[in-house]
């Protein structure tokens, strides 16, 4: 089960932001870490089996102020629920229909 953890941190500049992101990304089970919020003072971590309390404690020791804002379960897209899109193509004669599957996570 993937979790999305949001932690509010005190940032004094790009160096402290980078340090906080390195700490978050280095924890076991973390799949992605990024900055959020209007002033980029929130760290958003997505992962499986990430201990939010341990992450907050590490950030407090190394960066300074850190407060757990939210922990939520991350919803995953079911590939079997994706429906193909039918695009009609008219090439002068009879109409032909081509079916292209659309996957939200893949790029063509």
N, C-alpha and C. Protein backbone atom coordinates (compact mmCIF):
# COMPACT_ATOMS: atom_id res chain seq x y z
N UNK A 1 0.85 -1.17 0.00
CA UNK A 1 0.00 0.00 0.00
C UNK A 1 0.89 1.24 0.00
N UNK A 2 0.72 2.06 -1.03
CA UNK A 2 1.51 3.28 -1.13
C UNK A 2 0.90 4.37 -0.27
N UNK A 3 1.78 5.19 0.29
CA UNK A 3 1.35 6.31 1.12
C UNK A 3 1.89 7.60 0.53
N UNK A 4 1.15 8.67 0.75
CA UNK A 4 1.63 10.00 0.42
C UNK A 4 1.74 10.77 1.73
N UNK A 5 2.96 11.19 2.05
CA UNK A 5 3.25 11.89 3.31
C UNK A 5 3.64 13.33 2.98
N UNK A 6 3.02 14.27 3.66
CA UNK A 6 3.34 15.68 3.49
C UNK A 6 3.89 16.21 4.81
N UNK A 7 5.09 16.80 4.75
CA UNK A 7 5.77 17.32 5.94
C UNK A 7 6.10 18.79 5.71
N UNK A 8 5.72 19.62 6.65
CA UNK A 8 6.03 21.05 6.60
C UNK A 8 7.40 21.24 7.24
N UNK A 9 8.33 21.87 6.51
CA UNK A 9 9.67 22.11 7.03
C UNK A 9 10.00 23.59 6.93
N UNK A 10 10.94 24.03 7.76
CA UNK A 10 11.41 25.42 7.70
C UNK A 10 12.61 25.43 6.77
N UNK A 11 12.49 26.22 5.70
CA UNK A 11 13.58 26.29 4.73
C UNK A 11 14.17 27.69 4.75
N UNK A 12 15.49 27.75 4.79
CA UNK A 12 16.20 29.02 4.81
C UNK A 12 16.79 29.37 3.45
N UNK A 13 16.65 28.48 2.50
CA UNK A 13 17.19 28.72 1.17
C UNK A 13 17.26 27.42 0.40
N UNK A 14 17.81 27.48 -0.80
CA UNK A 14 17.89 26.27 -1.64
C UNK A 14 18.76 25.17 -1.04
N UNK A 15 19.75 25.54 -0.25
CA UNK A 15 20.64 24.54 0.34
C UNK A 15 19.88 23.68 1.36
N UNK A 16 19.06 24.30 2.19
CA UNK A 16 18.30 23.52 3.18
C UNK A 16 17.19 22.71 2.51
N UNK A 17 16.62 23.23 1.43
CA UNK A 17 15.63 22.44 0.67
C UNK A 17 16.27 21.20 0.09
N UNK A 18 17.44 21.36 -0.49
CA UNK A 18 18.15 20.24 -1.08
C UNK A 18 18.52 19.20 -0.03
N UNK A 19 18.96 19.67 1.12
CA UNK A 19 19.32 18.76 2.21
C UNK A 19 18.11 17.98 2.70
N UNK A 20 16.96 18.66 2.84
CA UNK A 20 15.73 18.00 3.28
C UNK A 20 15.27 16.96 2.26
N UNK A 21 15.37 17.28 0.98
CA UNK A 21 14.98 16.32 -0.06
C UNK A 21 15.92 15.11 -0.07
N UNK A 22 17.20 15.32 0.14
CA UNK A 22 18.15 14.22 0.18
C UNK A 22 17.86 13.28 1.34
N UNK A 23 17.50 13.84 2.48
CA UNK A 23 17.16 13.02 3.64
C UNK A 23 15.91 12.21 3.36
N UNK A 24 14.90 12.85 2.78
CA UNK A 24 13.64 12.16 2.48
C UNK A 24 13.83 11.07 1.44
N UNK A 25 14.60 11.36 0.40
CA UNK A 25 14.80 10.38 -0.67
C UNK A 25 15.68 9.22 -0.21
N UNK A 26 16.52 9.42 0.79
CA UNK A 26 17.42 8.37 1.26
C UNK A 26 16.78 7.36 2.18
N UNK A 27 15.57 7.61 2.64
CA UNK A 27 14.89 6.70 3.55
C UNK A 27 14.40 5.47 2.80
N UNK A 28 14.44 4.31 3.41
CA UNK A 28 14.02 3.09 2.73
C UNK A 28 12.52 3.10 2.47
N UNK A 29 12.14 2.64 1.28
CA UNK A 29 10.74 2.57 0.88
C UNK A 29 10.24 3.78 0.12
N UNK A 30 11.05 4.84 0.04
CA UNK A 30 10.63 6.07 -0.65
C UNK A 30 10.78 5.88 -2.15
N UNK A 31 9.70 6.13 -2.89
CA UNK A 31 9.73 6.04 -4.35
C UNK A 31 9.96 7.40 -4.99
N UNK A 32 9.38 8.46 -4.41
CA UNK A 32 9.60 9.80 -4.94
C UNK A 32 9.46 10.82 -3.82
N UNK A 33 10.19 11.92 -3.97
CA UNK A 33 10.13 13.02 -3.00
C UNK A 33 10.20 14.32 -3.78
N UNK A 34 9.37 15.27 -3.38
CA UNK A 34 9.36 16.55 -4.08
C UNK A 34 8.90 17.66 -3.16
N UNK A 35 9.04 18.89 -3.66
CA UNK A 35 8.63 20.07 -2.90
C UNK A 35 7.21 20.45 -3.25
N UNK A 36 6.47 20.96 -2.29
CA UNK A 36 5.11 21.39 -2.52
C UNK A 36 4.80 22.64 -1.74
N UNK A 37 3.58 23.12 -1.89
CA UNK A 37 3.17 24.34 -1.21
C UNK A 37 3.54 25.57 -2.02
N UNK A 38 2.95 26.70 -1.68
CA UNK A 38 3.21 27.93 -2.41
C UNK A 38 4.64 28.43 -2.24
N UNK A 39 5.16 28.31 -1.04
CA UNK A 39 6.52 28.77 -0.78
C UNK A 39 7.54 27.64 -0.79
N UNK A 40 7.14 26.49 -1.31
CA UNK A 40 8.02 25.31 -1.42
C UNK A 40 8.57 24.89 -0.06
N UNK A 41 7.73 24.99 0.97
CA UNK A 41 8.18 24.62 2.31
C UNK A 41 7.58 23.29 2.76
N UNK A 42 6.99 22.54 1.84
CA UNK A 42 6.45 21.23 2.16
C UNK A 42 7.18 20.18 1.34
N UNK A 43 7.46 19.06 1.98
CA UNK A 43 8.06 17.93 1.29
C UNK A 43 6.98 16.87 1.13
N UNK A 44 6.76 16.44 -0.11
CA UNK A 44 5.78 15.41 -0.40
C UNK A 44 6.53 14.13 -0.75
N UNK A 45 6.28 13.08 0.03
CA UNK A 45 6.98 11.82 -0.13
C UNK A 45 5.96 10.74 -0.47
N UNK A 46 6.24 9.96 -1.52
CA UNK A 46 5.40 8.83 -1.89
C UNK A 46 6.24 7.58 -1.77
N UNK A 47 5.70 6.57 -1.10
CA UNK A 47 6.44 5.34 -0.93
C UNK A 47 5.62 4.25 -0.30
N UNK A 48 6.23 3.09 -0.19
CA UNK A 48 5.58 1.92 0.37
C UNK A 48 6.30 1.53 1.66
N UNK A 49 5.60 1.58 2.78
CA UNK A 49 6.18 1.21 4.06
C UNK A 49 7.10 2.25 4.65
N UNK A 50 6.89 3.51 4.33
CA UNK A 50 7.72 4.59 4.86
C UNK A 50 7.21 4.97 6.24
N UNK A 51 8.12 5.05 7.20
CA UNK A 51 7.75 5.45 8.56
C UNK A 51 7.77 6.97 8.64
N UNK A 52 6.59 7.57 8.73
CA UNK A 52 6.46 9.02 8.73
C UNK A 52 7.10 9.65 9.96
N UNK A 53 6.96 9.01 11.11
CA UNK A 53 7.52 9.56 12.35
C UNK A 53 9.05 9.55 12.29
N UNK A 54 9.62 8.48 11.77
CA UNK A 54 11.08 8.41 11.63
C UNK A 54 11.58 9.50 10.68
N UNK A 55 10.84 9.73 9.59
CA UNK A 55 11.24 10.75 8.63
C UNK A 55 11.19 12.15 9.26
N UNK A 56 10.14 12.43 10.02
CA UNK A 56 10.02 13.74 10.68
C UNK A 56 11.16 13.92 11.69
N UNK A 57 11.46 12.89 12.46
CA UNK A 57 12.55 12.98 13.44
C UNK A 57 13.90 13.22 12.77
N UNK A 58 14.16 12.55 11.64
CA UNK A 58 15.41 12.78 10.91
C UNK A 58 15.50 14.22 10.41
N UNK A 59 14.39 14.73 9.88
CA UNK A 59 14.38 16.10 9.38
C UNK A 59 14.58 17.10 10.51
N UNK A 60 14.01 16.83 11.67
CA UNK A 60 14.19 17.74 12.82
C UNK A 60 15.65 17.78 13.26
N UNK A 61 16.31 16.62 13.24
CA UNK A 61 17.70 16.57 13.67
C UNK A 61 18.63 17.26 12.68
N UNK A 62 18.39 17.08 11.39
CA UNK A 62 19.33 17.54 10.37
C UNK A 62 19.00 18.92 9.79
N UNK A 63 17.70 19.26 9.71
CA UNK A 63 17.31 20.51 9.04
C UNK A 63 16.80 21.54 10.03
N UNK A 64 16.02 21.11 11.01
CA UNK A 64 15.42 22.05 11.96
C UNK A 64 13.95 21.73 12.15
N UNK A 65 13.11 22.72 12.00
CA UNK A 65 11.68 22.56 12.21
C UNK A 65 11.09 21.63 11.16
N UNK A 66 10.31 20.65 11.62
CA UNK A 66 9.58 19.75 10.73
C UNK A 66 8.30 19.31 11.44
N UNK A 67 7.19 19.39 10.72
CA UNK A 67 5.89 19.03 11.29
C UNK A 67 5.15 18.17 10.29
N UNK A 68 4.61 17.06 10.76
CA UNK A 68 3.85 16.15 9.91
C UNK A 68 2.50 16.79 9.58
N UNK A 69 2.27 17.06 8.30
CA UNK A 69 1.03 17.72 7.88
C UNK A 69 -0.06 16.70 7.56
N UNK A 70 0.26 15.65 6.80
CA UNK A 70 -0.75 14.65 6.47
C UNK A 70 -0.11 13.36 6.00
N UNK A 71 -0.85 12.27 6.22
CA UNK A 71 -0.48 10.95 5.71
C UNK A 71 -1.75 10.38 5.07
N UNK A 72 -1.66 10.03 3.80
CA UNK A 72 -2.84 9.51 3.09
C UNK A 72 -2.43 8.34 2.21
N UNK A 73 -3.39 7.46 1.97
CA UNK A 73 -3.15 6.32 1.09
C UNK A 73 -3.20 6.81 -0.35
N UNK A 74 -2.23 6.40 -1.14
CA UNK A 74 -2.15 6.80 -2.55
C UNK A 74 -2.94 5.81 -3.38
N UNK A 75 -3.88 6.33 -4.16
CA UNK A 75 -4.69 5.49 -5.04
C UNK A 75 -3.89 5.14 -6.28
N UNK A 76 -4.00 3.88 -6.72
CA UNK A 76 -3.31 3.44 -7.92
C UNK A 76 -4.31 3.24 -9.03
N UNK A 77 -3.87 3.51 -10.27
CA UNK A 77 -4.73 3.34 -11.43
C UNK A 77 -4.72 1.87 -11.83
N UNK A 78 -5.90 1.30 -11.99
CA UNK A 78 -6.03 -0.09 -12.41
C UNK A 78 -5.93 -0.14 -13.92
N UNK A 79 -4.93 -0.85 -14.46
CA UNK A 79 -4.72 -0.91 -15.91
C UNK A 79 -5.88 -1.57 -16.63
N UNK A 80 -6.57 -2.51 -16.01
CA UNK A 80 -7.68 -3.19 -16.68
C UNK A 80 -8.90 -2.29 -16.79
N UNK A 81 -8.96 -1.22 -16.01
CA UNK A 81 -10.09 -0.31 -16.06
C UNK A 81 -9.94 0.74 -17.16
N UNK A 82 -8.80 0.78 -17.83
CA UNK A 82 -8.57 1.76 -18.87
C UNK A 82 -9.30 1.32 -20.13
N UNK A 83 -10.13 2.21 -20.67
CA UNK A 83 -10.91 1.91 -21.86
C UNK A 83 -10.23 2.50 -23.09
N UNK A 84 -10.22 1.77 -24.22
CA UNK A 84 -9.63 2.32 -25.44
C UNK A 84 -10.51 3.42 -26.03
N UNK A 85 -9.87 4.33 -26.74
CA UNK A 85 -10.58 5.41 -27.41
C UNK A 85 -10.68 5.06 -28.89
N UNK A 86 -11.86 5.18 -29.47
CA UNK A 86 -12.06 4.87 -30.88
C UNK A 86 -11.99 6.17 -31.67
N UNK A 87 -11.07 6.21 -32.63
CA UNK A 87 -10.90 7.37 -33.50
C UNK A 87 -11.34 7.00 -34.91
N UNK A 88 -12.43 7.58 -35.42
CA UNK A 88 -12.85 7.27 -36.79
C UNK A 88 -11.92 7.96 -37.79
N UNK A 89 -11.51 7.24 -38.81
CA UNK A 89 -10.63 7.78 -39.85
C UNK A 89 -11.35 7.67 -41.19
N UNK A 90 -11.46 8.76 -41.90
CA UNK A 90 -12.11 8.78 -43.20
C UNK A 90 -11.05 9.02 -44.26
N UNK A 91 -10.87 8.03 -45.12
CA UNK A 91 -9.83 8.12 -46.14
C UNK A 91 -10.39 8.15 -47.55
N UNK A 92 -11.52 8.72 -47.76
CA UNK A 92 -12.06 8.86 -49.11
C UNK A 92 -13.12 7.82 -49.44
N UNK A 93 -12.99 6.61 -48.97
CA UNK A 93 -13.96 5.56 -49.29
C UNK A 93 -14.84 5.28 -48.08
N UNK A 94 -14.87 4.05 -47.70
CA UNK A 94 -15.67 3.68 -46.53
C UNK A 94 -14.93 4.08 -45.26
N UNK A 95 -15.67 4.50 -44.26
CA UNK A 95 -15.01 4.87 -43.01
C UNK A 95 -14.34 3.65 -42.35
N UNK A 96 -13.13 3.85 -41.85
CA UNK A 96 -12.41 2.81 -41.13
C UNK A 96 -12.21 3.28 -39.69
N UNK A 97 -12.24 2.35 -38.78
CA UNK A 97 -12.08 2.68 -37.38
C UNK A 97 -10.81 2.01 -36.86
N UNK A 98 -9.94 2.82 -36.26
CA UNK A 98 -8.74 2.33 -35.62
C UNK A 98 -8.90 2.49 -34.12
N UNK A 99 -8.48 1.50 -33.37
CA UNK A 99 -8.58 1.55 -31.91
C UNK A 99 -7.19 1.70 -31.33
N UNK A 100 -6.99 2.81 -30.61
CA UNK A 100 -5.73 3.07 -29.94
C UNK A 100 -5.97 3.02 -28.43
N UNK A 101 -5.30 2.13 -27.70
CA UNK A 101 -5.47 2.13 -26.25
C UNK A 101 -4.80 3.34 -25.63
N UNK A 102 -5.47 3.97 -24.69
CA UNK A 102 -4.95 5.13 -23.99
C UNK A 102 -4.61 4.72 -22.57
N UNK A 103 -3.35 4.87 -22.19
CA UNK A 103 -2.90 4.55 -20.83
C UNK A 103 -2.43 5.86 -20.19
N UNK A 104 -2.95 6.19 -19.03
CA UNK A 104 -2.57 7.47 -18.42
C UNK A 104 -1.12 7.54 -17.97
N UNK A 105 -0.45 6.40 -17.80
CA UNK A 105 0.92 6.45 -17.30
C UNK A 105 1.95 6.28 -18.38
N UNK A 106 1.55 5.99 -19.61
CA UNK A 106 2.53 5.81 -20.66
C UNK A 106 2.43 6.94 -21.66
N UNK A 107 3.57 7.25 -22.27
CA UNK A 107 3.64 8.33 -23.23
C UNK A 107 4.05 7.75 -24.57
N UNK A 108 3.48 8.27 -25.63
CA UNK A 108 3.80 7.77 -26.97
C UNK A 108 4.80 8.65 -27.66
